[in-house]
Amino acid sequence: MVDEFTARIEALGFAAADARTLAEHFADCERRGKHGHGRTRVDWLETLPDLQPAARPERLVAEGGYERWDGSGALGYLTLAAICEAQLAEPPEHARVIAAVRTFPTGALGYWARRLADGGLVAVLTATSPRRLPHPEGGPPLTGTNPLAIAVPSSDGRAVVADTSMGRVTYGDVLSGVAAPEELVPFGGEHAHKAFALAVGLQLVVDALAGPDYGAVLVVARPDADPVPALRALAAGRRLPGDS
């Protein structure tokens, strides 16, 4: 699957390394059942008229506790890949906030958070997208689906990775034909105001730190404890978020 996706993406003009990075993300999503972020997205890339395969993300600010990146026309997937590599190469002494501007599309955020957790870092990541979620009472779309991914490493090598969109369905579900566009509303039914509140909060955090042009905000930190094994023992074999 990775080789198939890589060949198709290279045909769009991407360098081999970038094509492989994208293909591995899409293939991982397929394996985990996130089909709206897998093969469907390869099909989608092939329809985009304004791809910039040669564009490279740029780190504009690099301080101990803060970084700022600009996608500079690169796909958000590749911007997040570069950010993850940079954090793993030079982890923060304690914690670091990273704001990324012009970073779209970002794909399944849990994929990137997992990479950081597998490297020993706690990660909290969110990203904005086109405004697709209306108020629970109706009206025009006000926020993106604004997923939130949280990943915590574990000494047993099995990180917990929670990755949740604020939509009842994802835009990927709509793209893949699994859901209709009108189903793209905050999740929760009669309690949808809670998902909407989270979507609004995440939208404004990203807009405040990265600007309104589709950004991402990442917090990475070195853990001071190892809570996952105890939670797995308490769960007594039940599946935890992110388990295959």
C-alpha atoms as a PDB file:
ATOM      1  CA  MET A   1       0.000   0.000   0.000  1.00  0.00           C
ATOM      2  CA  VAL A   2       2.780   2.443   0.920  1.00  0.00           C
ATOM      3  CA  ASP A   3       4.562   1.762  -2.364  1.00  0.00           C
ATOM      4  CA  GLU A   4       1.348   2.247  -4.349  1.00  0.00           C
ATOM      5  CA  PHE A   5       0.602   5.546  -2.627  1.00  0.00           C
ATOM      6  CA  THR A   6       4.220   6.698  -2.975  1.00  0.00           C
ATOM      7  CA  ALA A   7       4.192   6.125  -6.741  1.00  0.00           C
ATOM      8  CA  ARG A   8       0.932   8.039  -7.163  1.00  0.00           C
ATOM      9  CA  ILE A   9       2.182  10.966  -5.092  1.00  0.00           C
ATOM     10  CA  GLU A  10       5.541  11.104  -6.870  1.00  0.00           C
ATOM     11  CA  ALA A  11       3.572  11.361 -10.118  1.00  0.00           C
ATOM     12  CA  LEU A  12       2.182  14.671  -8.788  1.00  0.00           C
ATOM     13  CA  GLY A  13       5.695  16.094  -8.654  1.00  0.00           C
ATOM     14  CA  PHE A  14       6.693  15.415  -5.052  1.00  0.00           C
ATOM     15  CA  ALA A  15      10.233  14.366  -4.213  1.00  0.00           C
ATOM     16  CA  ALA A  16      10.634  10.718  -3.248  1.00  0.00           C
ATOM     17  CA  ALA A  17      11.183  11.450   0.462  1.00  0.00           C
ATOM     18  CA  ASP A  18       8.130  13.706   0.695  1.00  0.00           C
ATOM     19  CA  ALA A  19       6.008  11.236  -1.243  1.00  0.00           C
ATOM     20  CA  ARG A  20       7.056   8.491   1.174  1.00  0.00           C
ATOM     21  CA  THR A  21       6.193  10.666   4.177  1.00  0.00           C
ATOM     22  CA  LEU A  22       2.714  11.310   2.805  1.00  0.00           C
ATOM     23  CA  ALA A  23       2.202   7.685   1.755  1.00  0.00           C
ATOM     24  CA  GLU A  24       3.129   6.349   5.192  1.00  0.00           C
ATOM     25  CA  HIS A  25       0.578   8.668   6.795  1.00  0.00           C
ATOM     26  CA  PHE A  26      -2.202   7.616   4.413  1.00  0.00           C
ATOM     27  CA  ALA A  27      -1.345   3.916   4.733  1.00  0.00           C
ATOM     28  CA  ASP A  28      -1.311   4.102   8.541  1.00  0.00           C
ATOM     29  CA  CYS A  29      -4.762   5.692   8.453  1.00  0.00           C
ATOM     30  CA  GLU A  30      -6.032   2.880   6.217  1.00  0.00           C
ATOM     31  CA  ARG A  31      -4.646   0.249   8.611  1.00  0.00           C
ATOM     32  CA  ARG A  32      -6.362   1.939  11.561  1.00  0.00           C
ATOM     33  CA  GLY A  33      -9.710   2.154   9.787  1.00  0.00           C
ATOM     34  CA  LYS A  34      -9.532   5.940   9.290  1.00  0.00           C
ATOM     35  CA  HIS A  35     -10.399   5.593   5.617  1.00  0.00           C
ATOM     36  CA  GLY A  36     -11.365   9.246   5.247  1.00  0.00           C
ATOM     37  CA  HIS A  37      -7.700  10.065   5.917  1.00  0.00           C
ATOM     38  CA  GLY A  38      -6.264   7.238   3.816  1.00  0.00           C
ATOM     39  CA  ARG A  39      -6.708   6.330   0.161  1.00  0.00           C
ATOM     40  CA  THR A  40      -9.451   8.932  -0.177  1.00  0.00           C
ATOM     41  CA  ARG A  41      -6.894  11.650   0.500  1.00  0.00           C
ATOM     42  CA  VAL A  42      -4.561  10.361  -2.194  1.00  0.00           C
ATOM     43  CA  ASP A  43      -7.498  10.581  -4.606  1.00  0.00           C
ATOM     44  CA  TRP A  44      -8.202  14.096  -3.316  1.00  0.00           C
ATOM     45  CA  LEU A  45      -4.613  15.280  -3.801  1.00  0.00           C
ATOM     46  CA  GLU A  46      -4.840  14.211  -7.423  1.00  0.00           C
ATOM     47  CA  THR A  47      -7.724  16.661  -7.939  1.00  0.00           C
ATOM     48  CA  LEU A  48      -6.024  19.753  -6.442  1.00  0.00           C
ATOM     49  CA  PRO A  49      -4.961  22.283  -9.078  1.00  0.00           C
ATOM     50  CA  ASP A  50      -2.632  24.386  -6.910  1.00  0.00           C
ATOM     51  CA  LEU A  51      -0.245  21.891  -5.324  1.00  0.00           C
ATOM     52  CA  GLN A  52       3.276  23.186  -4.673  1.00  0.00           C
ATOM     53  CA  PRO A  53       5.361  19.994  -4.474  1.00  0.00           C
ATOM     54  CA  ALA A  54       8.649  21.876  -4.185  1.00  0.00           C
ATOM     55  CA  ALA A  55       7.532  24.116  -1.279  1.00  0.00           C
ATOM     56  CA  ARG A  56       9.369  23.642   2.028  1.00  0.00           C
ATOM     57  CA  PRO A  57       8.152  24.526   5.537  1.00  0.00           C
ATOM     58  CA  GLU A  58      10.296  27.049   7.361  1.00  0.00           C
ATOM     59  CA  ARG A  59      11.079  27.475  11.054  1.00  0.00           C
ATOM     60  CA  LEU A  60      10.844  31.219  11.673  1.00  0.00           C
ATOM     61  CA  VAL A  61      11.517  31.294  15.431  1.00  0.00           C
ATOM     62  CA  ALA A  62      13.444  28.730  17.495  1.00  0.00           C
ATOM     63  CA  GLU A  63      13.608  29.436  21.214  1.00  0.00           C
ATOM     64  CA  GLY A  64      13.859  27.054  24.141  1.00  0.00           C
ATOM     65  CA  GLY A  65      10.171  27.109  24.958  1.00  0.00           C
ATOM     66  CA  TYR A  66       8.672  28.414  21.729  1.00  0.00           C
ATOM     67  CA  GLU A  67       8.879  27.822  17.996  1.00  0.00           C
ATOM     68  CA  ARG A  68       7.020  29.363  15.078  1.00  0.00           C
ATOM     69  CA  TRP A  69       6.811  27.679  11.677  1.00  0.00           C
ATOM     70  CA  ASP A  70       5.407  28.692   8.311  1.00  0.00           C
ATOM     71  CA  GLY A  71       4.147  26.065   5.896  1.00  0.00           C
ATOM     72  CA  SER A  72       5.266  28.360   3.053  1.00  0.00           C
ATOM     73  CA  GLY A  73       3.010  26.592   0.580  1.00  0.00           C
ATOM     74  CA  ALA A  74       3.916  23.045   1.604  1.00  0.00           C
ATOM     75  CA  LEU A  75       1.150  20.615   2.465  1.00  0.00           C
ATOM     76  CA  GLY A  76       0.306  20.686   6.164  1.00  0.00           C
ATOM     77  CA  TYR A  77       1.215  17.006   6.405  1.00  0.00           C
ATOM     78  CA  LEU A  78       4.789  17.835   5.457  1.00  0.00           C
ATOM     79  CA  THR A  79       4.907  20.826   7.784  1.00  0.00           C
ATOM     80  CA  LEU A  80       3.857  18.675  10.744  1.00  0.00           C
ATOM     81  CA  ALA A  81       6.326  15.987   9.708  1.00  0.00           C
ATOM     82  CA  ALA A  82       9.143  18.540   9.752  1.00  0.00           C
ATOM     83  CA  ILE A  83       7.981  19.910  13.113  1.00  0.00           C
ATOM     84  CA  CYS A  84       7.882  16.424  14.651  1.00  0.00           C
ATOM     85  CA  GLU A  85      11.364  15.615  13.374  1.00  0.00           C
ATOM     86  CA  ALA A  86      12.686  18.864  14.819  1.00  0.00           C
ATOM     87  CA  GLN A  87      11.162  18.206  18.259  1.00  0.00           C
ATOM     88  CA  LEU A  88      12.537  14.677  18.406  1.00  0.00           C
ATOM     89  CA  ALA A  89      15.967  15.872  17.294  1.00  0.00           C
ATOM     90  CA  GLU A  90      16.048  18.674  19.888  1.00  0.00           C
ATOM     91  CA  PRO A  91      13.483  17.951  22.638  1.00  0.00           C
ATOM     92  CA  PRO A  92      12.577  20.763  25.023  1.00  0.00           C
ATOM     93  CA  GLU A  93      14.275  20.944  28.376  1.00  0.00           C
ATOM     94  CA  HIS A  94      10.827  20.867  29.957  1.00  0.00           C
ATOM     95  CA  ALA A  95       8.086  21.978  27.554  1.00  0.00           C
ATOM     96  CA  ARG A  96       7.658  23.885  24.300  1.00  0.00           C
ATOM     97  CA  VAL A  97       4.791  25.540  22.406  1.00  0.00           C
ATOM     98  CA  ILE A  98       4.909  25.411  18.611  1.00  0.00           C
ATOM     99  CA  ALA A  99       2.659  27.578  16.460  1.00  0.00           C
ATOM    100  CA  ALA A 100       2.478  26.730  12.762  1.00  0.00           C
ATOM    101  CA  VAL A 101       0.962  29.140  10.243  1.00  0.00           C
ATOM    102  CA  ARG A 102      -0.402  28.252   6.811  1.00  0.00           C
ATOM    103  CA  THR A 103      -0.546  24.592   7.744  1.00  0.00           C
ATOM    104  CA  PHE A 104      -3.255  22.704   5.846  1.00  0.00           C
ATOM    105  CA  PRO A 105      -4.249  19.936   5.391  1.00  0.00           C
ATOM    106  CA  THR A 106      -2.823  18.229   8.466  1.00  0.00           C
ATOM    107  CA  GLY A 107      -4.469  14.799   8.236  1.00  0.00           C
ATOM    108  CA  ALA A 108      -5.071  12.551  11.233  1.00  0.00           C
ATOM    109  CA  LEU A 109      -3.506  14.486  14.093  1.00  0.00           C
ATOM    110  CA  GLY A 110      -3.147  11.356  16.204  1.00  0.00           C
ATOM    111  CA  TYR A 111      -0.563  10.099  13.709  1.00  0.00           C
ATOM    112  CA  TRP A 112       1.744  13.034  14.439  1.00  0.00           C
ATOM    113  CA  ALA A 113       1.103  12.992  18.188  1.00  0.00           C
ATOM    114  CA  ARG A 114       1.923   9.267  18.253  1.00  0.00           C
ATOM    115  CA  ARG A 115       5.254   9.897  16.539  1.00  0.00           C
ATOM    116  CA  LEU A 116       6.178  12.292  19.323  1.00  0.00           C
ATOM    117  CA  ALA A 117       4.988   9.944  22.079  1.00  0.00           C
ATOM    118  CA  ASP A 118       6.921   7.052  20.545  1.00  0.00           C
ATOM    119  CA  GLY A 119       9.930   9.344  20.856  1.00  0.00           C
ATOM    120  CA  GLY A 120       9.260   9.868  24.564  1.00  0.00           C
ATOM    121  CA  LEU A 121       7.373  13.176  24.518  1.00  0.00           C
ATOM    122  CA  VAL A 122       3.902  14.093  25.753  1.00  0.00           C
ATOM    123  CA  ALA A 123       2.086  15.838  22.895  1.00  0.00           C
ATOM    124  CA  VAL A 124      -1.075  17.916  22.607  1.00  0.00           C
ATOM    125  CA  LEU A 125      -1.938  18.997  19.060  1.00  0.00           C
ATOM    126  CA  THR A 126      -4.812  20.811  17.389  1.00  0.00           C
ATOM    127  CA  ALA A 127      -5.286  22.342  13.941  1.00  0.00           C
ATOM    128  CA  THR A 128      -7.901  24.384  12.141  1.00  0.00           C
ATOM    129  CA  SER A 129      -9.561  23.735   8.798  1.00  0.00           C
ATOM    130  CA  PRO A 130     -12.209  25.418   6.632  1.00  0.00           C
ATOM    131  CA  ARG A 131     -15.239  26.431   8.687  1.00  0.00           C
ATOM    132  CA  ARG A 132     -17.565  23.445   8.521  1.00  0.00           C
ATOM    133  CA  LEU A 133     -19.366  23.227  11.880  1.00  0.00           C
ATOM    134  CA  PRO A 134     -22.478  25.356  12.466  1.00  0.00           C
ATOM    135  CA  HIS A 135     -23.870  26.380  15.829  1.00  0.00           C
ATOM    136  CA  PRO A 136     -25.998  23.560  17.357  1.00  0.00           C
ATOM    137  CA  GLU A 137     -29.033  25.774  16.753  1.00  0.00           C
ATOM    138  CA  GLY A 138     -28.192  26.053  13.052  1.00  0.00           C
ATOM    139  CA  GLY A 139     -26.917  28.813  10.832  1.00  0.00           C
ATOM    140  CA  PRO A 140     -23.721  29.142   8.787  1.00  0.00           C
ATOM    141  CA  PRO A 141     -20.527  27.194   9.600  1.00  0.00           C
ATOM    142  CA  LEU A 142     -18.583  29.009  12.314  1.00  0.00           C
ATOM    143  CA  THR A 143     -15.589  26.797  13.064  1.00  0.00           C
ATOM    144  CA  GLY A 144     -13.525  24.007  11.624  1.00  0.00           C
ATOM    145  CA  THR A 145     -13.899  20.457  12.895  1.00  0.00           C
ATOM    146  CA  ASN A 146     -10.759  21.330  14.900  1.00  0.00           C
ATOM    147  CA  PRO A 147      -9.585  17.904  16.102  1.00  0.00           C
ATOM    148  CA  LEU A 148      -7.619  17.524  19.318  1.00  0.00           C
ATOM    149  CA  ALA A 149      -4.942  14.842  19.655  1.00  0.00           C
ATOM    150  CA  ILE A 150      -3.274  13.929  22.953  1.00  0.00           C
ATOM    151  CA  ALA A 151      -0.493  11.350  23.157  1.00  0.00           C
ATOM    152  CA  VAL A 152       1.258  10.106  26.287  1.00  0.00           C
ATOM    153  CA  PRO A 153       4.277   7.786  26.079  1.00  0.00           C
ATOM    154  CA  SER A 154       4.576   4.614  28.128  1.00  0.00           C
ATOM    155  CA  SER A 155       7.452   2.519  29.423  1.00  0.00           C
ATOM    156  CA  ASP A 156       5.754  -0.523  27.893  1.00  0.00           C
ATOM    157  CA  GLY A 157       6.048   1.015  24.428  1.00  0.00           C
ATOM    158  CA  ARG A 158       2.277   1.379  24.001  1.00  0.00           C
ATOM    159  CA  ALA A 159       1.446   5.076  24.033  1.00  0.00           C
ATOM    160  CA  VAL A 160      -2.115   6.195  24.677  1.00  0.00           C
ATOM    161  CA  VAL A 161      -3.274   8.377  21.790  1.00  0.00           C
ATOM    162  CA  ALA A 162      -6.628  10.166  21.968  1.00  0.00           C
ATOM    163  CA  ASP A 163      -7.645  11.878  18.710  1.00  0.00           C
ATOM    164  CA  THR A 164     -11.124  13.368  18.420  1.00  0.00           C
ATOM    165  CA  SER A 165     -12.739  15.680  15.898  1.00  0.00           C
ATOM    166  CA  MET A 166     -15.435  18.004  17.178  1.00  0.00           C
ATOM    167  CA  GLY A 167     -17.736  16.955  14.344  1.00  0.00           C
ATOM    168  CA  ARG A 168     -20.326  14.209  14.441  1.00  0.00           C
ATOM    169  CA  VAL A 169     -18.527  12.989  11.314  1.00  0.00           C
ATOM    170  CA  THR A 170     -15.272  14.131   9.729  1.00  0.00           C
ATOM    171  CA  TYR A 171     -14.814  15.873   6.424  1.00  0.00           C
ATOM    172  CA  GLY A 172     -12.905  12.765   5.386  1.00  0.00           C
ATOM    173  CA  ASP A 173     -16.091  10.762   5.933  1.00  0.00           C
ATOM    174  CA  VAL A 174     -17.869  13.140   3.566  1.00  0.00           C
ATOM    175  CA  LEU A 175     -15.067  12.909   1.002  1.00  0.00           C
ATOM    176  CA  SER A 176     -15.144   9.118   1.099  1.00  0.00           C
ATOM    177  CA  GLY A 177     -18.930   8.984   0.801  1.00  0.00           C
ATOM    178  CA  VAL A 178     -19.450   7.454   4.249  1.00  0.00           C
ATOM    179  CA  ALA A 179     -21.394  10.507   5.478  1.00  0.00           C
ATOM    180  CA  ALA A 180     -23.502  13.253   3.921  1.00  0.00           C
ATOM    181  CA  PRO A 181     -22.435  16.921   4.174  1.00  0.00           C
ATOM    182  CA  GLU A 182     -25.450  17.753   6.359  1.00  0.00           C
ATOM    183  CA  GLU A 183     -24.139  15.317   8.988  1.00  0.00           C
ATOM    184  CA  LEU A 184     -21.132  17.580   9.537  1.00  0.00           C
ATOM    185  CA  VAL A 185     -22.375  19.121  12.786  1.00  0.00           C
ATOM    186  CA  PRO A 186     -20.976  19.144  16.347  1.00  0.00           C
ATOM    187  CA  PHE A 187     -21.155  15.702  17.946  1.00  0.00           C
ATOM    188  CA  GLY A 188     -23.248  14.964  20.993  1.00  0.00           C
ATOM    189  CA  GLY A 189     -26.888  15.234  19.947  1.00  0.00           C
ATOM    190  CA  GLU A 190     -28.700  17.192  22.649  1.00  0.00           C
ATOM    191  CA  HIS A 191     -25.317  17.830  24.251  1.00  0.00           C
ATOM    192  CA  ALA A 192     -23.724  19.164  21.039  1.00  0.00           C
ATOM    193  CA  HIS A 193     -23.108  22.504  22.745  1.00  0.00           C
ATOM    194  CA  LYS A 194     -20.161  20.848  24.518  1.00  0.00           C
ATOM    195  CA  ALA A 195     -18.438  19.830  21.268  1.00  0.00           C
ATOM    196  CA  PHE A 196     -19.256  23.230  19.807  1.00  0.00           C
ATOM    197  CA  ALA A 197     -17.676  24.960  22.803  1.00  0.00           C
ATOM    198  CA  LEU A 198     -14.493  22.923  22.345  1.00  0.00           C
ATOM    199  CA  ALA A 199     -14.470  23.656  18.609  1.00  0.00           C
ATOM    200  CA  VAL A 200     -14.801  27.390  19.269  1.00  0.00           C
ATOM    201  CA  GLY A 201     -12.113  27.354  21.967  1.00  0.00           C
ATOM    202  CA  LEU A 202      -9.646  25.455  19.790  1.00  0.00           C
ATOM    203  CA  GLN A 203     -10.436  27.664  16.784  1.00  0.00           C
ATOM    204  CA  LEU A 204      -9.654  30.808  18.742  1.00  0.00           C
ATOM    205  CA  VAL A 205      -6.485  29.403  20.353  1.00  0.00           C
ATOM    206  CA  VAL A 206      -5.062  28.551  16.937  1.00  0.00           C
ATOM    207  CA  ASP A 207      -6.261  31.821  15.397  1.00  0.00           C
ATOM    208  CA  ALA A 208      -4.680  33.773  18.267  1.00  0.00           C
ATOM    209  CA  LEU A 209      -1.314  31.992  18.130  1.00  0.00           C
ATOM    210  CA  ALA A 210      -0.992  31.061  14.453  1.00  0.00           C
ATOM    211  CA  GLY A 211      -3.375  33.405  12.655  1.00  0.00           C
ATOM    212  CA  PRO A 212      -6.598  32.778  10.752  1.00  0.00           C
ATOM    213  CA  ASP A 213      -5.100  31.080   7.672  1.00  0.00           C
ATOM    214  CA  TYR A 214      -5.418  27.432   8.802  1.00  0.00           C
ATOM    215  CA  GLY A 215      -2.791  26.801  11.454  1.00  0.00           C
ATOM    216  CA  ALA A 216      -1.766  24.309  14.083  1.00  0.00           C
ATOM    217  CA  VAL A 217      -0.665  24.556  17.702  1.00  0.00           C
ATOM    218  CA  LEU A 218       1.430  21.867  19.348  1.00  0.00           C
ATOM    219  CA  VAL A 219       2.603  21.524  22.945  1.00  0.00           C
ATOM    220  CA  VAL A 220       5.366  19.010  23.654  1.00  0.00           C
ATOM    221  CA  ALA A 221       6.821  18.180  27.052  1.00  0.00           C
ATOM    222  CA  ARG A 222       9.122  15.684  28.733  1.00  0.00           C
ATOM    223  CA  PRO A 223       7.064  13.473  31.065  1.00  0.00           C
ATOM    224  CA  ASP A 224       7.944  13.400  34.764  1.00  0.00           C
ATOM    225  CA  ALA A 225       5.955  10.212  35.429  1.00  0.00           C
ATOM    226  CA  ASP A 226       4.797   7.042  33.672  1.00  0.00           C
ATOM    227  CA  PRO A 227       1.012   6.791  34.216  1.00  0.00           C
ATOM    228  CA  VAL A 228      -0.004   4.634  31.254  1.00  0.00           C
ATOM    229  CA  PRO A 229       0.895   1.146  32.608  1.00  0.00           C
ATOM    230  CA  ALA A 230      -1.169   1.735  35.757  1.00  0.00           C
ATOM    231  CA  LEU A 231      -4.146   2.838  33.650  1.00  0.00           C
ATOM    232  CA  ARG A 232      -3.833  -0.244  31.453  1.00  0.00           C
ATOM    233  CA  ALA A 233      -3.819  -2.446  34.545  1.00  0.00           C
ATOM    234  CA  LEU A 234      -6.915  -0.664  35.843  1.00  0.00           C
ATOM    235  CA  ALA A 235      -8.610  -1.078  32.443  1.00  0.00           C
ATOM    236  CA  ALA A 236      -8.152  -4.852  32.745  1.00  0.00           C
ATOM    237  CA  GLY A 237      -7.592  -5.540  29.063  1.00  0.00           C
ATOM    238  CA  ARG A 238     -10.143  -3.096  27.699  1.00  0.00           C
ATOM    239  CA  ARG A 239      -9.114  -1.116  24.636  1.00  0.00           C
ATOM    240  CA  LEU A 240      -7.718   2.331  25.355  1.00  0.00           C
ATOM    241  CA  PRO A 241      -7.611   5.244  22.859  1.00  0.00           C
ATOM    242  CA  GLY A 242      -5.110   4.663  20.101  1.00  0.00           C
ATOM    243  CA  ASP A 243      -4.798   0.907  20.568  1.00  0.00           C
ATOM    244  CA  SER A 244      -4.708  -1.010  17.295  1.00  0.00           C
END
